[in-house]
Amino acid sequence: MVSCRTSDGPGGTTVIDAVELGGDVDAFVRAIDRPSERTDRNTSVSCAVNVVAPVATWLVSEAGAIRVAWPRVVCGYRDEPLAALQTMREIGRTPVRDLGVLPAAICRGGSAGFARTNGDRDSDTVPEGALRFPTRAVAGATVCAYRTSRSSTGDLQMSGAVARRLTAAAASRIVHESISAPSAPACDTDATEVAVMSLYRPDGSGGATLSVETDGCRRVAVDHGLGYRTASGDVTALLRGDR
């Protein structure tokens, strides 16, 4: 098997690698060989979450190569094949293309997503094996730092974004420290700055959004994946570019 994946290159560049995988290929084929869910032709569906499958995974033999089609569900893609893919081990890596230093993506304002709480709020169990939430390796990402304010309706809104690019090593460290962080205590203070980062694996899969209050109560959360936890000093420093 061969998977196209990104990695950190020299001088802050991003490199596309062809990664050769070894292990139980038959188990992965069985996991991927299942029908996709489809809606009726006249049915309109609105999905609350963003889910992206691996960009390019190939089954390779002497006869040639077949690009894997990840099975879909109505709102995204199936989680089940991910477990089989994660059991595969890397046995070779060939750099294919250096993309240079990637620019930061465009940031868009919106709701900050953090609520005041009047009691300890238990963290959600981390959904290991969920395609949309990378919990191991994370690709390089854009961090959008927003100023916050209360709207006339009382909603906490974000504006005035400042974007910066994080390496894969820094993005992975933020996710790992956030997952292992303790539950956040009660909070009745608005943060004046919130940092937001979309999470994708080096193979392009993922889609979850990690948000961090870099001041105020300093909480971290992942939409539909991780309840309020306490952001460490390392996490806020990495997001602010202090490290």
Protein backbone atom coordinates (compact mmCIF):
# COMPACT_ATOMS: atom_id res chain seq x y z
CA MET A 1 0.00 0.00 0.00
CA VAL A 2 1.09 3.56 -0.67
CA SER A 3 -0.34 6.67 0.97
CA CYS A 4 0.29 10.28 -0.07
CA ARG A 5 1.12 12.28 3.05
CA THR A 6 2.60 15.62 4.00
CA SER A 7 5.54 16.22 6.33
CA ASP A 8 7.63 19.11 7.62
CA GLY A 9 10.48 19.95 5.26
CA PRO A 10 13.62 22.02 5.82
CA GLY A 11 13.19 25.69 6.62
CA GLY A 12 9.48 25.41 7.40
CA THR A 13 8.45 23.97 4.05
CA THR A 14 5.79 21.30 3.48
CA VAL A 15 6.73 18.15 1.57
CA ILE A 16 4.45 15.58 -0.10
CA ASP A 17 5.75 12.05 0.50
CA ALA A 18 4.83 8.68 -0.97
CA VAL A 19 4.65 6.52 2.16
CA GLU A 20 4.84 2.75 1.72
CA LEU A 21 2.76 0.86 4.30
CA GLY A 22 3.14 -2.72 5.43
CA GLY A 23 0.94 -4.95 7.56
CA ASP A 24 -2.41 -6.66 7.20
CA VAL A 25 -3.49 -5.25 3.84
CA ASP A 26 -6.30 -7.82 3.59
CA ALA A 27 -7.86 -6.46 6.81
CA PHE A 28 -7.82 -2.95 5.37
CA VAL A 29 -9.38 -4.16 2.11
CA ARG A 30 -12.18 -5.87 4.07
CA ALA A 31 -12.75 -2.68 6.08
CA ILE A 32 -12.90 -0.50 2.99
CA ASP A 33 -15.05 -2.92 0.99
CA ARG A 34 -18.46 -1.84 2.20
CA PRO A 35 -21.27 0.09 0.54
CA SER A 36 -21.70 3.83 0.89
CA GLU A 37 -24.87 5.28 2.37
CA ARG A 38 -26.93 7.39 0.02
CA THR A 39 -29.96 9.60 0.42
CA ASP A 40 -33.04 9.54 -1.75
CA ARG A 41 -32.69 11.67 -4.87
CA ASN A 42 -35.28 14.18 -3.66
CA THR A 43 -33.98 14.38 -0.08
CA SER A 44 -32.00 17.43 1.09
CA VAL A 45 -29.57 16.90 4.00
CA SER A 46 -27.82 19.55 6.08
CA CYS A 47 -24.73 18.25 7.90
CA ALA A 48 -23.42 19.83 11.13
CA VAL A 49 -19.86 18.52 10.89
CA ASN A 50 -17.08 18.48 8.31
CA VAL A 51 -15.46 15.11 7.56
CA VAL A 52 -12.72 14.51 4.98
CA ALA A 53 -11.33 11.12 3.89
CA PRO A 54 -7.64 10.44 3.10
CA VAL A 55 -6.67 12.25 -0.09
CA ALA A 56 -4.88 9.38 -1.87
CA THR A 57 -4.33 5.79 -0.75
CA TRP A 58 -3.29 3.17 -3.29
CA LEU A 59 -3.37 -0.63 -3.32
CA VAL A 60 -0.29 -1.67 -5.27
CA SER A 61 0.62 -5.00 -6.88
CA GLU A 62 2.72 -6.24 -9.78
CA ALA A 63 -0.34 -5.82 -11.99
CA GLY A 64 -0.69 -2.12 -11.19
CA ALA A 65 -2.30 0.19 -8.63
CA ILE A 66 -5.87 0.94 -7.60
CA ARG A 67 -6.81 4.15 -5.79
CA VAL A 68 -8.99 3.45 -2.75
CA ALA A 69 -12.48 4.97 -2.66
CA TRP A 70 -13.34 5.56 1.01
CA PRO A 71 -16.94 4.48 1.75
CA ARG A 72 -19.30 7.36 2.51
CA VAL A 73 -22.13 7.98 4.94
CA VAL A 74 -24.81 10.61 4.47
CA CYS A 75 -22.75 13.27 6.28
CA GLY A 76 -19.15 12.41 5.41
CA TYR A 77 -17.27 9.11 5.44
CA ARG A 78 -17.25 5.90 7.44
CA ASP A 79 -14.97 5.67 10.49
CA GLU A 80 -14.47 1.89 10.39
CA PRO A 81 -11.63 1.64 7.83
CA LEU A 82 -9.49 4.07 9.87
CA ALA A 83 -8.73 1.48 12.57
CA ALA A 84 -7.41 -0.97 9.99
CA LEU A 85 -5.35 1.77 8.31
CA GLN A 86 -3.80 2.82 11.61
CA THR A 87 -2.50 -0.71 12.24
CA MET A 88 -0.36 -0.43 9.11
CA ARG A 89 3.29 0.49 9.68
CA GLU A 90 5.48 2.73 7.59
CA ILE A 91 8.19 0.73 5.81
CA GLY A 92 9.39 3.36 3.36
CA ARG A 93 9.04 7.04 2.51
CA THR A 94 9.98 8.85 -0.69
CA PRO A 95 9.75 12.66 -0.97
CA VAL A 96 7.79 13.51 -4.11
CA ARG A 97 7.43 17.28 -4.07
CA ASP A 98 8.47 20.21 -1.86
CA LEU A 99 5.57 22.68 -1.78
CA GLY A 100 7.72 25.41 -0.25
CA VAL A 101 6.52 27.54 2.66
CA LEU A 102 2.74 27.43 2.48
CA PRO A 103 0.83 30.66 3.13
CA ALA A 104 -1.68 30.84 5.95
CA ALA A 105 -5.25 30.11 4.91
CA ILE A 106 -7.96 32.79 4.92
CA CYS A 107 -9.64 33.23 8.31
CA ARG A 108 -13.37 33.82 8.63
CA GLY A 109 -15.12 35.19 11.72
CA GLY A 110 -18.09 33.67 13.50
CA SER A 111 -19.25 32.46 16.87
CA ALA A 112 -16.46 31.84 19.36
CA GLY A 113 -18.18 28.66 20.54
CA PHE A 114 -17.28 29.02 24.23
CA ALA A 115 -20.02 29.28 26.86
CA ARG A 116 -19.90 30.42 30.45
CA THR A 117 -20.25 27.52 32.89
CA ASN A 118 -21.32 27.56 36.55
CA GLY A 119 -19.90 24.18 37.48
CA ASP A 120 -17.23 21.71 36.47
CA ARG A 121 -18.01 20.34 33.04
CA ASP A 122 -16.67 16.87 32.39
CA SER A 123 -14.62 16.43 29.23
CA ASP A 124 -16.02 14.20 26.53
CA THR A 125 -14.34 10.86 26.00
CA VAL A 126 -11.89 11.32 23.13
CA PRO A 127 -13.39 9.46 20.13
CA GLU A 128 -10.42 7.30 19.18
CA GLY A 129 -11.03 6.02 15.68
CA ALA A 130 -13.21 8.95 14.57
CA LEU A 131 -12.14 9.94 11.07
CA ARG A 132 -12.83 13.65 11.58
CA PHE A 133 -10.72 14.01 14.76
CA PRO A 134 -6.98 13.30 14.39
CA THR A 135 -5.60 12.21 17.75
CA ARG A 136 -2.15 11.01 16.64
CA ALA A 137 -0.27 12.75 13.83
CA VAL A 138 -1.61 16.14 12.71
CA ALA A 139 -0.61 17.98 9.54
CA GLY A 140 0.69 21.54 9.46
CA ALA A 141 -2.18 23.98 9.93
CA THR A 142 -3.27 27.62 9.90
CA VAL A 143 -4.07 29.16 13.27
CA CYS A 144 -6.56 32.05 13.21
CA ALA A 145 -6.39 34.33 16.25
CA TYR A 146 -9.55 36.42 16.74
CA ARG A 147 -10.52 39.27 19.04
CA THR A 148 -13.86 38.64 20.72
CA SER A 149 -16.82 40.82 21.65
CA ARG A 150 -20.45 40.44 22.67
CA SER A 151 -23.05 41.10 19.99
CA SER A 152 -26.33 42.94 20.61
CA THR A 153 -27.99 39.54 21.09
CA GLY A 154 -25.40 38.46 23.68
CA ASP A 155 -23.49 36.05 21.45
CA LEU A 156 -19.70 36.03 21.66
CA GLN A 157 -18.44 36.97 18.20
CA MET A 158 -14.96 36.82 16.63
CA SER A 159 -13.37 39.45 14.40
CA GLY A 160 -10.04 40.96 13.38
CA ALA A 161 -8.34 37.68 12.54
CA VAL A 162 -4.57 37.28 12.46
CA ALA A 163 -3.38 34.12 10.65
CA ARG A 164 -0.15 32.23 11.07
CA ARG A 165 1.10 28.83 9.92
CA LEU A 166 2.05 26.01 12.33
CA THR A 167 4.33 23.08 11.50
CA ALA A 168 3.02 19.52 11.76
CA ALA A 169 5.17 19.00 14.86
CA ALA A 170 3.64 22.01 16.62
CA ALA A 171 0.06 21.13 15.58
CA SER A 172 0.48 17.55 16.80
CA ARG A 173 1.86 18.74 20.13
CA ILE A 174 -1.13 21.05 20.64
CA VAL A 175 -3.58 18.19 20.02
CA HIS A 176 -1.71 15.71 22.25
CA GLU A 177 -1.46 18.17 25.17
CA SER A 178 -5.12 19.17 24.80
CA ILE A 179 -6.30 15.56 24.89
CA SER A 180 -4.32 14.84 28.06
CA ALA A 181 -5.34 18.10 29.79
CA PRO A 182 -7.67 18.08 32.83
CA SER A 183 -11.29 19.14 32.64
CA ALA A 184 -11.78 22.89 32.82
CA PRO A 185 -13.36 24.32 36.00
CA ALA A 186 -16.31 26.70 36.11
CA CYS A 187 -15.87 29.84 34.02
CA ASP A 188 -17.77 33.15 34.03
CA THR A 189 -15.18 35.27 32.17
CA ASP A 190 -15.09 36.01 28.45
CA ALA A 191 -11.78 35.56 26.70
CA THR A 192 -10.62 38.57 24.68
CA GLU A 193 -8.78 36.35 22.21
CA VAL A 194 -9.64 32.92 20.75
CA ALA A 195 -7.38 30.85 18.51
CA VAL A 196 -8.98 28.41 16.05
CA MET A 197 -7.31 25.62 14.06
CA SER A 198 -8.72 23.00 11.66
CA LEU A 199 -7.32 19.51 12.27
CA TYR A 200 -6.21 17.17 9.48
CA ARG A 201 -3.90 14.16 9.38
CA PRO A 202 -0.86 14.10 7.10
CA ASP A 203 -2.93 11.99 4.66
CA GLY A 204 -5.53 14.78 4.41
CA SER A 205 -8.28 13.17 6.50
CA GLY A 206 -9.97 14.89 9.42
CA GLY A 207 -12.02 18.07 9.58
CA ALA A 208 -12.52 18.80 13.29
CA THR A 209 -11.95 22.30 14.67
CA LEU A 210 -9.88 22.99 17.79
CA SER A 211 -10.56 26.26 19.64
CA VAL A 212 -8.54 27.74 22.50
CA GLU A 213 -9.10 30.74 24.76
CA THR A 214 -5.59 32.22 24.91
CA ASP A 215 -6.58 34.42 27.86
CA GLY A 216 -9.47 34.53 30.29
CA CYS A 217 -10.31 30.99 31.50
CA ARG A 218 -7.88 29.48 28.97
CA ARG A 219 -10.04 26.56 27.88
CA VAL A 220 -9.55 24.27 24.89
CA ALA A 221 -12.25 22.30 23.05
CA VAL A 222 -12.75 20.34 19.81
CA ASP A 223 -16.18 20.54 18.20
CA HIS A 224 -18.12 17.29 18.58
CA GLY A 225 -15.00 15.62 19.98
CA LEU A 226 -13.53 17.13 23.15
CA GLY A 227 -15.33 18.99 25.91
CA TYR A 228 -13.84 21.95 27.80
CA ARG A 229 -10.35 21.25 29.10
CA THR A 230 -7.69 23.53 30.53
CA ALA A 231 -5.22 24.79 27.94
CA SER A 232 -1.61 24.52 29.10
CA GLY A 233 0.90 27.33 28.88
CA ASP A 234 2.70 25.41 26.14
CA VAL A 235 -0.48 25.20 24.04
CA THR A 236 -1.27 28.91 24.29
CA ALA A 237 2.38 29.84 23.62
CA LEU A 238 2.48 27.68 20.47
CA LEU A 239 -0.77 29.18 19.20
CA ARG A 240 0.43 32.72 19.84
CA GLY A 241 3.78 32.08 18.19
CA ASP A 242 5.75 32.60 21.39
CA ARG A 243 7.55 29.27 20.83
